[in-house]
Amino acid sequence: MAIVAKDGYIDFVRDKVENFHGNQLVYVSWDDHLVFCAAQAFPLPPEMPFAALVAEVMPSVFNWHDEFKDIDWAKAQWNLDGKAFSPDMDKSLAENGVEHKSLIRFKTPGLTGLNGTRI
């Protein structure tokens, strides 16, 4: 069903990259852990090393889950904007192809939420 805006409607896009003072929005989601009901959004500098995302940023949200401490990052499976990828931990987010409003999903084999419930 098509939607038609009223005359005079002005659309203000508030999440443009220009509004983040040199940062970009990066969404991160942990597959099979639905206690996090949506991807988490972080305003991050494009030059941040991917390793810093994993070691410093992601724990700020995901660390409270009991399984986070058990993640074997060498076995983690990564997805960037709908495509499987293998991040280079030493390269920046930008060098890994992460852009403004990119969605990074990661799956941790063997870890499927509390008692295997995907929660």
PDB file of N, CA and C in Angstrom:
ATOM      1  N   MET A   1       0.843  -1.176   0.000  1.00  0.00           N
ATOM      2  CA  MET A   1       0.000   0.000   0.000  1.00  0.00           C
ATOM      3  C   MET A   1       0.888   1.240   0.000  1.00  0.00           C
ATOM      4  N   ALA A   2       0.667   2.114  -0.939  1.00  0.00           N
ATOM      5  CA  ALA A   2       1.449   3.339  -1.051  1.00  0.00           C
ATOM      6  C   ALA A   2       1.014   4.346   0.007  1.00  0.00           C
ATOM      7  N   ILE A   3       1.973   5.140   0.461  1.00  0.00           N
ATOM      8  CA  ILE A   3       1.691   6.183   1.440  1.00  0.00           C
ATOM      9  C   ILE A   3       2.028   7.511   0.803  1.00  0.00           C
ATOM     10  N   VAL A   4       1.137   8.457   0.952  1.00  0.00           N
ATOM     11  CA  VAL A   4       1.334   9.787   0.392  1.00  0.00           C
ATOM     12  C   VAL A   4       1.422  10.778   1.539  1.00  0.00           C
ATOM     13  N   ALA A   5       2.499  11.567   1.572  1.00  0.00           N
ATOM     14  CA  ALA A   5       2.672  12.574   2.615  1.00  0.00           C
ATOM     15  C   ALA A   5       1.781  13.764   2.332  1.00  0.00           C
ATOM     16  N   LYS A   6       1.353  14.425   3.380  1.00  0.00           N
ATOM     17  CA  LYS A   6       0.543  15.627   3.239  1.00  0.00           C
ATOM     18  C   LYS A   6       1.361  16.728   2.578  1.00  0.00           C
ATOM     19  N   ASP A   7       0.686  17.651   1.925  1.00  0.00           N
ATOM     20  CA  ASP A   7       1.368  18.810   1.342  1.00  0.00           C
ATOM     21  C   ASP A   7       2.098  19.573   2.439  1.00  0.00           C
ATOM     22  N   GLY A   8       3.295  20.002   2.140  1.00  0.00           N
ATOM     23  CA  GLY A   8       4.074  20.782   3.088  1.00  0.00           C
ATOM     24  C   GLY A   8       4.886  19.941   4.060  1.00  0.00           C
ATOM     25  N   TYR A   9       4.786  18.635   3.954  1.00  0.00           N
ATOM     26  CA  TYR A   9       5.562  17.767   4.845  1.00  0.00           C
ATOM     27  C   TYR A   9       7.039  17.888   4.500  1.00  0.00           C
ATOM     28  N   ILE A  10       7.849  18.105   5.514  1.00  0.00           N
ATOM     29  CA  ILE A  10       9.289  18.218   5.317  1.00  0.00           C
ATOM     30  C   ILE A  10       9.940  17.068   6.059  1.00  0.00           C
ATOM     31  N   ASP A  11      10.744  16.315   5.353  1.00  0.00           N
ATOM     32  CA  ASP A  11      11.420  15.161   5.934  1.00  0.00           C
ATOM     33  C   ASP A  11      12.815  15.584   6.390  1.00  0.00           C
ATOM     34  N   PHE A  12      13.040  15.557   7.700  1.00  0.00           N
ATOM     35  CA  PHE A  12      14.348  15.865   8.256  1.00  0.00           C
ATOM     36  C   PHE A  12      15.033  14.547   8.581  1.00  0.00           C
ATOM     37  N   VAL A  13      16.066  14.207   7.842  1.00  0.00           N
ATOM     38  CA  VAL A  13      16.831  12.995   8.110  1.00  0.00           C
ATOM     39  C   VAL A  13      17.843  13.331   9.199  1.00  0.00           C
ATOM     40  N   ARG A  14      17.656  12.743  10.363  1.00  0.00           N
ATOM     41  CA  ARG A  14      18.483  13.097  11.509  1.00  0.00           C
ATOM     42  C   ARG A  14      19.679  12.155  11.700  1.00  0.00           C
ATOM     43  N   ASP A  15      19.702  11.056  10.954  1.00  0.00           N
ATOM     44  CA  ASP A  15      20.817  10.121  11.148  1.00  0.00           C
ATOM     45  C   ASP A  15      21.805  10.144   9.983  1.00  0.00           C
ATOM     46  N   LYS A  16      21.912  11.296   9.330  1.00  0.00           N
ATOM     47  CA  LYS A  16      22.919  11.454   8.274  1.00  0.00           C
ATOM     48  C   LYS A  16      24.304  11.428   8.911  1.00  0.00           C
ATOM     49  N   VAL A  17      25.268  10.910   8.197  1.00  0.00           N
ATOM     50  CA  VAL A  17      26.630  10.812   8.712  1.00  0.00           C
ATOM     51  C   VAL A  17      27.167  12.181   9.128  1.00  0.00           C
ATOM     52  N   GLU A  18      26.742  13.226   8.473  1.00  0.00           N
ATOM     53  CA  GLU A  18      27.207  14.569   8.786  1.00  0.00           C
ATOM     54  C   GLU A  18      26.825  14.995  10.198  1.00  0.00           C
ATOM     55  N   ASN A  19      25.825  14.350  10.776  1.00  0.00           N
ATOM     56  CA  ASN A  19      25.335  14.722  12.100  1.00  0.00           C
ATOM     57  C   ASN A  19      26.073  14.007  13.241  1.00  0.00           C
ATOM     58  N   PHE A  20      27.101  13.232  12.930  1.00  0.00           N
ATOM     59  CA  PHE A  20      27.761  12.426  13.953  1.00  0.00           C
ATOM     60  C   PHE A  20      29.208  12.851  14.223  1.00  0.00           C
ATOM     61  N   HIS A  21      29.567  14.070  13.829  1.00  0.00           N
ATOM     62  CA  HIS A  21      30.845  14.683  14.210  1.00  0.00           C
ATOM     63  C   HIS A  21      32.048  13.793  13.911  1.00  0.00           C
ATOM     64  N   GLY A  22      32.090  13.241  12.715  1.00  0.00           N
ATOM     65  CA  GLY A  22      33.218  12.403  12.297  1.00  0.00           C
ATOM     66  C   GLY A  22      33.025  10.926  12.577  1.00  0.00           C
ATOM     67  N   ASN A  23      31.990  10.582  13.316  1.00  0.00           N
ATOM     68  CA  ASN A  23      31.683   9.181  13.570  1.00  0.00           C
ATOM     69  C   ASN A  23      30.683   8.682  12.540  1.00  0.00           C
ATOM     70  N   GLN A  24      30.444   7.384  12.566  1.00  0.00           N
ATOM     71  CA  GLN A  24      29.399   6.790  11.743  1.00  0.00           C
ATOM     72  C   GLN A  24      28.628   5.825  12.626  1.00  0.00           C
ATOM     73  N   LEU A  25      27.354   5.634  12.323  1.00  0.00           N
ATOM     74  CA  LEU A  25      26.566   4.655  13.076  1.00  0.00           C
ATOM     75  C   LEU A  25      26.934   3.255  12.602  1.00  0.00           C
ATOM     76  N   VAL A  26      27.193   2.380  13.549  1.00  0.00           N
ATOM     77  CA  VAL A  26      27.480   0.987  13.251  1.00  0.00           C
ATOM     78  C   VAL A  26      26.557   0.156  14.130  1.00  0.00           C
ATOM     79  N   TYR A  27      25.807  -0.731  13.501  1.00  0.00           N
ATOM     80  CA  TYR A  27      24.897  -1.616  14.229  1.00  0.00           C
ATOM     81  C   TYR A  27      25.566  -2.976  14.392  1.00  0.00           C
ATOM     82  N   VAL A  28      25.439  -3.556  15.603  1.00  0.00           N
ATOM     83  CA  VAL A  28      26.046  -4.851  15.889  1.00  0.00           C
ATOM     84  C   VAL A  28      24.997  -5.750  16.525  1.00  0.00           C
ATOM     85  N   SER A  29      24.894  -6.963  16.004  1.00  0.00           N
ATOM     86  CA  SER A  29      23.910  -7.930  16.498  1.00  0.00           C
ATOM     87  C   SER A  29      24.589  -9.273  16.736  1.00  0.00           C
ATOM     88  N   TRP A  30      24.232  -9.926  17.847  1.00  0.00           N
ATOM     89  CA  TRP A  30      24.778 -11.232  18.216  1.00  0.00           C
ATOM     90  C   TRP A  30      23.727 -12.285  17.918  1.00  0.00           C
ATOM     91  N   ASP A  31      23.941 -13.059  16.870  1.00  0.00           N
ATOM     92  CA  ASP A  31      22.984 -14.096  16.474  1.00  0.00           C
ATOM     93  C   ASP A  31      22.793 -15.117  17.590  1.00  0.00           C
ATOM     94  N   ASP A  32      21.606 -15.671  17.673  1.00  0.00           N
ATOM     95  CA  ASP A  32      21.231 -16.695  18.651  1.00  0.00           C
ATOM     96  C   ASP A  32      21.231 -16.186  20.085  1.00  0.00           C
ATOM     97  N   HIS A  33      21.142 -14.892  20.270  1.00  0.00           N
ATOM     98  CA  HIS A  33      21.076 -14.298  21.599  1.00  0.00           C
ATOM     99  C   HIS A  33      19.985 -13.223  21.590  1.00  0.00           C
ATOM    100  N   LEU A  34      18.745 -13.695  21.563  1.00  0.00           N
ATOM    101  CA  LEU A  34      17.613 -12.803  21.364  1.00  0.00           C
ATOM    102  C   LEU A  34      17.242 -11.970  22.583  1.00  0.00           C
ATOM    103  N   VAL A  35      17.972 -12.132  23.681  1.00  0.00           N
ATOM    104  CA  VAL A  35      17.775 -11.221  24.798  1.00  0.00           C
ATOM    105  C   VAL A  35      18.118  -9.802  24.334  1.00  0.00           C
ATOM    106  N   PHE A  36      18.988  -9.713  23.331  1.00  0.00           N
ATOM    107  CA  PHE A  36      19.272  -8.441  22.664  1.00  0.00           C
ATOM    108  C   PHE A  36      18.310  -8.387  21.475  1.00  0.00           C
ATOM    109  N   CYS A  37      17.155  -7.793  21.683  1.00  0.00           N
ATOM    110  CA  CYS A  37      16.060  -7.896  20.717  1.00  0.00           C
ATOM    111  C   CYS A  37      16.326  -7.174  19.403  1.00  0.00           C
ATOM    112  N   ALA A  38      17.322  -6.331  19.385  1.00  0.00           N
ATOM    113  CA  ALA A  38      17.644  -5.596  18.157  1.00  0.00           C
ATOM    114  C   ALA A  38      19.149  -5.361  18.125  1.00  0.00           C
ATOM    115  N   ALA A  39      19.637  -5.037  16.960  1.00  0.00           N
ATOM    116  CA  ALA A  39      21.052  -4.682  16.841  1.00  0.00           C
ATOM    117  C   ALA A  39      21.323  -3.448  17.691  1.00  0.00           C
ATOM    118  N   GLN A  40      22.493  -3.417  18.280  1.00  0.00           N
ATOM    119  CA  GLN A  40      22.907  -2.285  19.102  1.00  0.00           C
ATOM    120  C   GLN A  40      23.600  -1.260  18.216  1.00  0.00           C
ATOM    121  N   ALA A  41      23.304   0.014  18.423  1.00  0.00           N
ATOM    122  CA  ALA A  41      23.873   1.073  17.598  1.00  0.00           C
ATOM    123  C   ALA A  41      24.988   1.792  18.347  1.00  0.00           C
ATOM    124  N   PHE A  42      26.103   1.991  17.647  1.00  0.00           N
ATOM    125  CA  PHE A  42      27.251   2.672  18.230  1.00  0.00           C
ATOM    126  C   PHE A  42      27.731   3.756  17.268  1.00  0.00           C
ATOM    127  N   PRO A  43      27.988   4.979  17.748  1.00  0.00           N
ATOM    128  CA  PRO A  43      28.619   5.998  16.909  1.00  0.00           C
ATOM    129  C   PRO A  43      30.140   5.826  17.009  1.00  0.00           C
ATOM    130  N   LEU A  44      30.761   5.383  15.939  1.00  0.00           N
ATOM    131  CA  LEU A  44      32.173   5.019  15.980  1.00  0.00           C
ATOM    132  C   LEU A  44      32.964   5.730  14.892  1.00  0.00           C
ATOM    133  N   PRO A  45      34.232   6.047  15.181  1.00  0.00           N
ATOM    134  CA  PRO A  45      35.067   6.636  14.141  1.00  0.00           C
ATOM    135  C   PRO A  45      35.437   5.582  13.099  1.00  0.00           C
ATOM    136  N   PRO A  46      35.377   5.914  11.820  1.00  0.00           N
ATOM    137  CA  PRO A  46      35.704   4.950  10.767  1.00  0.00           C
ATOM    138  C   PRO A  46      37.123   4.412  10.875  1.00  0.00           C
ATOM    139  N   GLU A  47      38.019   5.171  11.509  1.00  0.00           N
ATOM    140  CA  GLU A  47      39.414   4.733  11.620  1.00  0.00           C
ATOM    141  C   GLU A  47      39.653   3.807  12.826  1.00  0.00           C
ATOM    142  N   MET A  48      38.621   3.522  13.610  1.00  0.00           N
ATOM    143  CA  MET A  48      38.768   2.615  14.762  1.00  0.00           C
ATOM    144  C   MET A  48      39.162   1.228  14.273  1.00  0.00           C
ATOM    145  N   PRO A  49      40.178   0.615  14.874  1.00  0.00           N
ATOM    146  CA  PRO A  49      40.530  -0.754  14.490  1.00  0.00           C
ATOM    147  C   PRO A  49      39.387  -1.719  14.831  1.00  0.00           C
ATOM    148  N   PHE A  50      39.177  -2.698  13.984  1.00  0.00           N
ATOM    149  CA  PHE A  50      38.125  -3.675  14.238  1.00  0.00           C
ATOM    150  C   PHE A  50      38.356  -4.364  15.582  1.00  0.00           C
ATOM    151  N   ALA A  51      39.614  -4.592  15.938  1.00  0.00           N
ATOM    152  CA  ALA A  51      39.932  -5.213  17.229  1.00  0.00           C
ATOM    153  C   ALA A  51      39.400  -4.382  18.396  1.00  0.00           C
ATOM    154  N   ALA A  52      39.419  -3.065  18.280  1.00  0.00           N
ATOM    155  CA  ALA A  52      38.900  -2.198  19.340  1.00  0.00           C
ATOM    156  C   ALA A  52      37.388  -2.324  19.445  1.00  0.00           C
ATOM    157  N   LEU A  53      36.718  -2.495  18.315  1.00  0.00           N
ATOM    158  CA  LEU A  53      35.276  -2.736  18.346  1.00  0.00           C
ATOM    159  C   LEU A  53      34.988  -3.980  19.183  1.00  0.00           C
ATOM    160  N   VAL A  54      35.728  -5.045  18.931  1.00  0.00           N
ATOM    161  CA  VAL A  54      35.510  -6.319  19.626  1.00  0.00           C
ATOM    162  C   VAL A  54      35.920  -6.239  21.097  1.00  0.00           C
ATOM    163  N   ALA A  55      37.064  -5.635  21.378  1.00  0.00           N
ATOM    164  CA  ALA A  55      37.618  -5.653  22.739  1.00  0.00           C
ATOM    165  C   ALA A  55      37.089  -4.552  23.650  1.00  0.00           C
ATOM    166  N   GLU A  56      36.676  -3.421  23.063  1.00  0.00           N
ATOM    167  CA  GLU A  56      36.304  -2.274  23.891  1.00  0.00           C
ATOM    168  C   GLU A  56      34.841  -1.869  23.768  1.00  0.00           C
ATOM    169  N   VAL A  57      34.297  -1.916  22.572  1.00  0.00           N
ATOM    170  CA  VAL A  57      32.941  -1.421  22.361  1.00  0.00           C
ATOM    171  C   VAL A  57      31.896  -2.505  22.622  1.00  0.00           C
ATOM    172  N   MET A  58      32.050  -3.650  21.994  1.00  0.00           N
ATOM    173  CA  MET A  58      31.044  -4.703  22.131  1.00  0.00           C
ATOM    174  C   MET A  58      30.846  -5.163  23.573  1.00  0.00           C
ATOM    175  N   PRO A  59      31.894  -5.276  24.394  1.00  0.00           N
ATOM    176  CA  PRO A  59      31.666  -5.683  25.782  1.00  0.00           C
ATOM    177  C   PRO A  59      30.775  -4.711  26.562  1.00  0.00           C
ATOM    178  N   SER A  60      30.742  -3.450  26.169  1.00  0.00           N
ATOM    179  CA  SER A  60      29.916  -2.480  26.891  1.00  0.00           C
ATOM    180  C   SER A  60      28.438  -2.843  26.873  1.00  0.00           C
ATOM    181  N   VAL A  61      28.019  -3.635  25.913  1.00  0.00           N
ATOM    182  CA  VAL A  61      26.628  -4.068  25.829  1.00  0.00           C
ATOM    183  C   VAL A  61      26.493  -5.565  26.077  1.00  0.00           C
ATOM    184  N   PHE A  62      27.318  -6.344  25.409  1.00  0.00           N
ATOM    185  CA  PHE A  62      27.129  -7.797  25.418  1.00  0.00           C
ATOM    186  C   PHE A  62      27.772  -8.499  26.623  1.00  0.00           C
ATOM    187  N   ASN A  63      28.659  -7.836  27.340  1.00  0.00           N
ATOM    188  CA  ASN A  63      29.420  -8.471  28.405  1.00  0.00           C
ATOM    189  C   ASN A  63      28.561  -9.008  29.552  1.00  0.00           C
ATOM    190  N   TRP A  64      27.410  -8.429  29.770  1.00  0.00           N
ATOM    191  CA  TRP A  64      26.594  -8.895  30.895  1.00  0.00           C
ATOM    192  C   TRP A  64      25.988 -10.267  30.635  1.00  0.00           C
ATOM    193  N   HIS A  65      25.934 -10.708  29.370  1.00  0.00           N
ATOM    194  CA  HIS A  65      25.417 -12.044  29.058  1.00  0.00           C
ATOM    195  C   HIS A  65      26.447 -13.079  29.499  1.00  0.00           C
ATOM    196  N   ASP A  66      25.998 -14.110  30.187  1.00  0.00           N
ATOM    197  CA  ASP A  66      26.903 -15.137  30.734  1.00  0.00           C
ATOM    198  C   ASP A  66      27.806 -15.761  29.686  1.00  0.00           C
ATOM    199  N   GLU A  67      27.335 -15.882  28.447  1.00  0.00           N
ATOM    200  CA  GLU A  67      28.127 -16.559  27.417  1.00  0.00           C
ATOM    201  C   GLU A  67      29.198 -15.681  26.775  1.00  0.00           C
ATOM    202  N   PHE A  68      29.142 -14.385  26.979  1.00  0.00           N
ATOM    203  CA  PHE A  68      30.094 -13.504  26.307  1.00  0.00           C
ATOM    204  C   PHE A  68      31.533 -13.865  26.658  1.00  0.00           C
ATOM    205  N   LYS A  69      31.781 -14.207  27.893  1.00  0.00           N
ATOM    206  CA  LYS A  69      33.136 -14.550  28.332  1.00  0.00           C
ATOM    207  C   LYS A  69      33.635 -15.842  27.693  1.00  0.00           C
ATOM    208  N   ASP A  70      32.723 -16.657  27.166  1.00  0.00           N
ATOM    209  CA  ASP A  70      33.083 -17.946  26.576  1.00  0.00           C
ATOM    210  C   ASP A  70      33.319 -17.886  25.074  1.00  0.00           C
ATOM    211  N   ILE A  71      33.206 -16.715  24.482  1.00  0.00           N
ATOM    212  CA  ILE A  71      33.352 -16.610  23.027  1.00  0.00           C
ATOM    213  C   ILE A  71      34.783 -16.912  22.610  1.00  0.00           C
ATOM    214  N   ASP A  72      34.910 -17.790  21.642  1.00  0.00           N
ATOM    215  CA  ASP A  72      36.197 -18.042  20.989  1.00  0.00           C
ATOM    216  C   ASP A  72      36.185 -17.195  19.724  1.00  0.00           C
ATOM    217  N   TRP A  73      36.814 -16.030  19.785  1.00  0.00           N
ATOM    218  CA  TRP A  73      36.746 -15.074  18.676  1.00  0.00           C
ATOM    219  C   TRP A  73      37.374 -15.635  17.406  1.00  0.00           C
ATOM    220  N   ALA A  74      38.264 -16.590  17.531  1.00  0.00           N
ATOM    221  CA  ALA A  74      38.866 -17.206  16.340  1.00  0.00           C
ATOM    222  C   ALA A  74      37.839 -18.022  15.563  1.00  0.00           C
ATOM    223  N   LYS A  75      36.777 -18.460  16.236  1.00  0.00           N
ATOM    224  CA  LYS A  75      35.739 -19.259  15.583  1.00  0.00           C
ATOM    225  C   LYS A  75      34.488 -18.449  15.245  1.00  0.00           C
ATOM    226  N   ALA A  76      34.454 -17.202  15.644  1.00  0.00           N
ATOM    227  CA  ALA A  76      33.273 -16.370  15.374  1.00  0.00           C
ATOM    228  C   ALA A  76      33.045 -16.257  13.872  1.00  0.00           C
ATOM    229  N   GLN A  77      31.777 -16.265  13.497  1.00  0.00           N
ATOM    230  CA  GLN A  77      31.380 -16.110  12.098  1.00  0.00           C
ATOM    231  C   GLN A  77      30.773 -14.727  11.947  1.00  0.00           C
ATOM    232  N   TRP A  78      31.238 -14.005  10.951  1.00  0.00           N
ATOM    233  CA  TRP A  78      30.877 -12.603  10.783  1.00  0.00           C
ATOM    234  C   TRP A  78      30.062 -12.384   9.516  1.00  0.00           C
ATOM    235  N   ASN A  79      29.186 -11.393   9.582  1.00  0.00           N
ATOM    236  CA  ASN A  79      28.356 -11.013   8.462  1.00  0.00           C
ATOM    237  C   ASN A  79      28.319  -9.489   8.447  1.00  0.00           C
ATOM    238  N   LEU A  80      28.583  -8.898   7.297  1.00  0.00           N
ATOM    239  CA  LEU A  80      28.551  -7.446   7.145  1.00  0.00           C
ATOM    240  C   LEU A  80      27.551  -7.089   6.062  1.00  0.00           C
ATOM    241  N   ASP A  81      26.526  -6.381   6.452  1.00  0.00           N
ATOM    242  CA  ASP A  81      25.499  -5.922   5.508  1.00  0.00           C
ATOM    243  C   ASP A  81      24.955  -7.057   4.647  1.00  0.00           C
ATOM    244  N   GLY A  82      24.707  -8.203   5.291  1.00  0.00           N
ATOM    245  CA  GLY A  82      24.072  -9.325   4.608  1.00  0.00           C
ATOM    246  C   GLY A  82      25.007 -10.285   3.908  1.00  0.00           C
ATOM    247  N   LYS A  83      26.320 -10.053   4.025  1.00  0.00           N
ATOM    248  CA  LYS A  83      27.286 -10.936   3.359  1.00  0.00           C
ATOM    249  C   LYS A  83      28.324 -11.417   4.360  1.00  0.00           C
ATOM    250  N   ALA A  84      28.675 -12.693   4.260  1.00  0.00           N
ATOM    251  CA  ALA A  84      29.711 -13.243   5.124  1.00  0.00           C
ATOM    252  C   ALA A  84      31.029 -12.528   4.850  1.00  0.00           C
ATOM    253  N   PHE A  85      31.782 -12.272   5.906  1.00  0.00           N
ATOM    254  CA  PHE A  85      33.104 -11.674   5.729  1.00  0.00           C
ATOM    255  C   PHE A  85      34.002 -12.066   6.897  1.00  0.00           C
ATOM    256  N   SER A  86      35.282 -11.930   6.681  1.00  0.00           N
ATOM    257  CA  SER A  86      36.279 -12.209   7.712  1.00  0.00           C
ATOM    258  C   SER A  86      37.005 -10.907   8.008  1.00  0.00           C
ATOM    259  N   PRO A  87      36.681 -10.278   9.125  1.00  0.00           N
ATOM    260  CA  PRO A  87      37.319  -8.995   9.412  1.00  0.00           C
ATOM    261  C   PRO A  87      38.805  -9.155   9.707  1.00  0.00           C
ATOM    262  N   ASP A  88      39.568  -8.175   9.283  1.00  0.00           N
ATOM    263  CA  ASP A  88      40.973  -8.086   9.643  1.00  0.00           C
ATOM    264  C   ASP A  88      41.010  -7.232  10.900  1.00  0.00           C
ATOM    265  N   MET A  89      41.312  -7.849  12.026  1.00  0.00           N
ATOM    266  CA  MET A  89      41.251  -7.172  13.322  1.00  0.00           C
ATOM    267  C   MET A  89      42.201  -5.982  13.416  1.00  0.00           C
ATOM    268  N   ASP A  90      43.277  -5.991  12.639  1.00  0.00           N
ATOM    269  CA  ASP A  90      44.254  -4.906  12.699  1.00  0.00           C
ATOM    270  C   ASP A  90      43.885  -3.720  11.812  1.00  0.00           C
ATOM    271  N   LYS A  91      42.948  -3.923  10.908  1.00  0.00           N
ATOM    272  CA  LYS A  91      42.537  -2.834  10.016  1.00  0.00           C
ATOM    273  C   LYS A  91      41.362  -2.074  10.614  1.00  0.00           C
ATOM    274  N   SER A  92      41.146  -0.885  10.107  1.00  0.00           N
ATOM    275  CA  SER A  92      40.065  -0.027  10.606  1.00  0.00           C
ATOM    276  C   SER A  92      38.704  -0.552  10.162  1.00  0.00           C
ATOM    277  N   LEU A  93      37.681   0.003  10.782  1.00  0.00           N
ATOM    278  CA  LEU A  93      36.318  -0.330  10.357  1.00  0.00           C
ATOM    279  C   LEU A  93      36.159  -0.012   8.870  1.00  0.00           C
ATOM    280  N   ALA A  94      36.599   1.181   8.466  1.00  0.00           N
ATOM    281  CA  ALA A  94      36.475   1.585   7.057  1.00  0.00           C
ATOM    282  C   ALA A  94      37.226   0.629   6.136  1.00  0.00           C
ATOM    283  N   GLU A  95      38.437   0.242   6.521  1.00  0.00           N
ATOM    284  CA  GLU A  95      39.224  -0.677   5.692  1.00  0.00           C
ATOM    285  C   GLU A  95      38.582  -2.065   5.610  1.00  0.00           C
ATOM    286  N   ASN A  96      37.748  -2.400   6.587  1.00  0.00           N
ATOM    287  CA  ASN A  96      37.018  -3.667   6.575  1.00  0.00           C
ATOM    288  C   ASN A  96      35.689  -3.551   5.819  1.00  0.00           C
ATOM    289  N   GLY A  97      35.401  -2.366   5.288  1.00  0.00           N
ATOM    290  CA  GLY A  97      34.180  -2.181   4.513  1.00  0.00           C
ATOM    291  C   GLY A  97      32.979  -1.737   5.320  1.00  0.00           C
ATOM    292  N   VAL A  98      33.183  -1.396   6.589  1.00  0.00           N
ATOM    293  CA  VAL A  98      32.089  -0.927   7.439  1.00  0.00           C
ATOM    294  C   VAL A  98      31.812   0.528   7.108  1.00  0.00           C
ATOM    295  N   GLU A  99      30.561   0.820   6.802  1.00  0.00           N
ATOM    296  CA  GLU A  99      30.148   2.167   6.410  1.00  0.00           C
ATOM    297  C   GLU A  99      29.099   2.696   7.384  1.00  0.00           C
ATOM    298  N   HIS A 100      28.687   3.927   7.181  1.00  0.00           N
ATOM    299  CA  HIS A 100      27.626   4.526   7.990  1.00  0.00           C
ATOM    300  C   HIS A 100      26.361   3.683   7.876  1.00  0.00           C
ATOM    301  N   LYS A 101      25.852   3.272   9.010  1.00  0.00           N
ATOM    302  CA  LYS A 101      24.644   2.455   9.154  1.00  0.00           C
ATOM    303  C   LYS A 101      24.839   1.018   8.687  1.00  0.00           C
ATOM    304  N   SER A 102      26.075   0.542   8.665  1.00  0.00           N
ATOM    305  CA  SER A 102      26.329  -0.868   8.380  1.00  0.00           C
ATOM    306  C   SER A 102      25.819  -1.716   9.533  1.00  0.00           C
ATOM    307  N   LEU A 103      25.431  -2.946   9.198  1.00  0.00           N
ATOM    308  CA  LEU A 103      25.010  -3.928  10.194  1.00  0.00           C
ATOM    309  C   LEU A 103      26.037  -5.046  10.232  1.00  0.00           C
ATOM    310  N   ILE A 104      26.677  -5.203  11.399  1.00  0.00           N
ATOM    311  CA  ILE A 104      27.603  -6.305  11.623  1.00  0.00           C
ATOM    312  C   ILE A 104      26.879  -7.326  12.491  1.00  0.00           C
ATOM    313  N   ARG A 105      26.803  -8.546  12.008  1.00  0.00           N
ATOM    314  CA  ARG A 105      26.241  -9.645  12.805  1.00  0.00           C
ATOM    315  C   ARG A 105      27.351 -10.639  13.070  1.00  0.00           C
ATOM    316  N   PHE A 106      27.346 -11.212  14.269  1.00  0.00           N
ATOM    317  CA  PHE A 106      28.316 -12.254  14.556  1.00  0.00           C
ATOM    318  C   PHE A 106      27.615 -13.432  15.213  1.00  0.00           C
ATOM    319  N   LYS A 107      28.096 -14.607  14.872  1.00  0.00           N
ATOM    320  CA  LYS A 107      27.557 -15.856  15.393  1.00  0.00           C
ATOM    321  C   LYS A 107      28.695 -16.568  16.100  1.00  0.00           C
ATOM    322  N   THR A 108      28.382 -17.178  17.229  1.00  0.00           N
ATOM    323  CA  THR A 108      29.398 -17.835  18.044  1.00  0.00           C
ATOM    324  C   THR A 108      29.061 -19.319  18.135  1.00  0.00           C
ATOM    325  N   PRO A 109      29.671 -20.141  17.288  1.00  0.00           N
ATOM    326  CA  PRO A 109      29.377 -21.570  17.279  1.00  0.00           C
ATOM    327  C   PRO A 109      29.520 -22.187  18.672  1.00  0.00           C
ATOM    328  N   GLY A 110      28.522 -22.982  19.023  1.00  0.00           N
ATOM    329  CA  GLY A 110      28.512 -23.636  20.322  1.00  0.00           C
ATOM    330  C   GLY A 110      27.841 -22.821  21.412  1.00  0.00           C
ATOM    331  N   LEU A 111      27.614 -21.544  21.162  1.00  0.00           N
ATOM    332  CA  LEU A 111      26.940 -20.690  22.132  1.00  0.00           C
ATOM    333  C   LEU A 111      25.591 -20.275  21.555  1.00  0.00           C
ATOM    334  N   THR A 112      24.536 -20.761  22.155  1.00  0.00           N
ATOM    335  CA  THR A 112      23.190 -20.485  21.631  1.00  0.00           C
ATOM    336  C   THR A 112      22.264 -19.977  22.726  1.00  0.00           C
ATOM    337  N   GLY A 113      22.757 -19.086  23.538  1.00  0.00           N
ATOM    338  CA  GLY A 113      21.916 -18.467  24.565  1.00  0.00           C
ATOM    339  C   GLY A 113      21.817 -19.316  25.816  1.00  0.00           C
ATOM    340  N   LEU A 114      21.127 -18.779  26.788  1.00  0.00           N
ATOM    341  CA  LEU A 114      20.978 -19.424  28.093  1.00  0.00           C
ATOM    342  C   LEU A 114      20.332 -20.794  27.939  1.00  0.00           C
ATOM    343  N   ASN A 115      21.062 -21.823  28.325  1.00  0.00           N
ATOM    344  CA  ASN A 115      20.590 -23.216  28.237  1.00  0.00           C
ATOM    345  C   ASN A 115      20.111 -23.591  26.841  1.00  0.00           C
ATOM    346  N   GLY A 116      20.719 -23.010  25.814  1.00  0.00           N
ATOM    347  CA  GLY A 116      20.374 -23.333  24.440  1.00  0.00           C
ATOM    348  C   GLY A 116      19.047 -22.758  23.966  1.00  0.00           C
ATOM    349  N   THR A 117      18.519 -21.766  24.679  1.00  0.00           N
ATOM    350  CA  THR A 117      17.200 -21.206  24.351  1.00  0.00           C
ATOM    351  C   THR A 117      17.248 -20.058  23.351  1.00  0.00           C
ATOM    352  N   ARG A 118      18.429 -19.671  22.916  1.00  0.00           N
ATOM    353  CA  ARG A 118      18.634 -18.523  22.032  1.00  0.00           C
ATOM    354  C   ARG A 118      18.253 -17.201  22.702  1.00  0.00           C
ATOM    355  N   ILE A 119      18.281 -17.210  24.026  1.00  0.00           N
ATOM    356  CA  ILE A 119      18.006 -15.986  24.803  1.00  0.00           C
ATOM    357  C   ILE A 119      19.302 -15.557  25.464  1.00  0.00           C
TER     358      ILE A 119
END
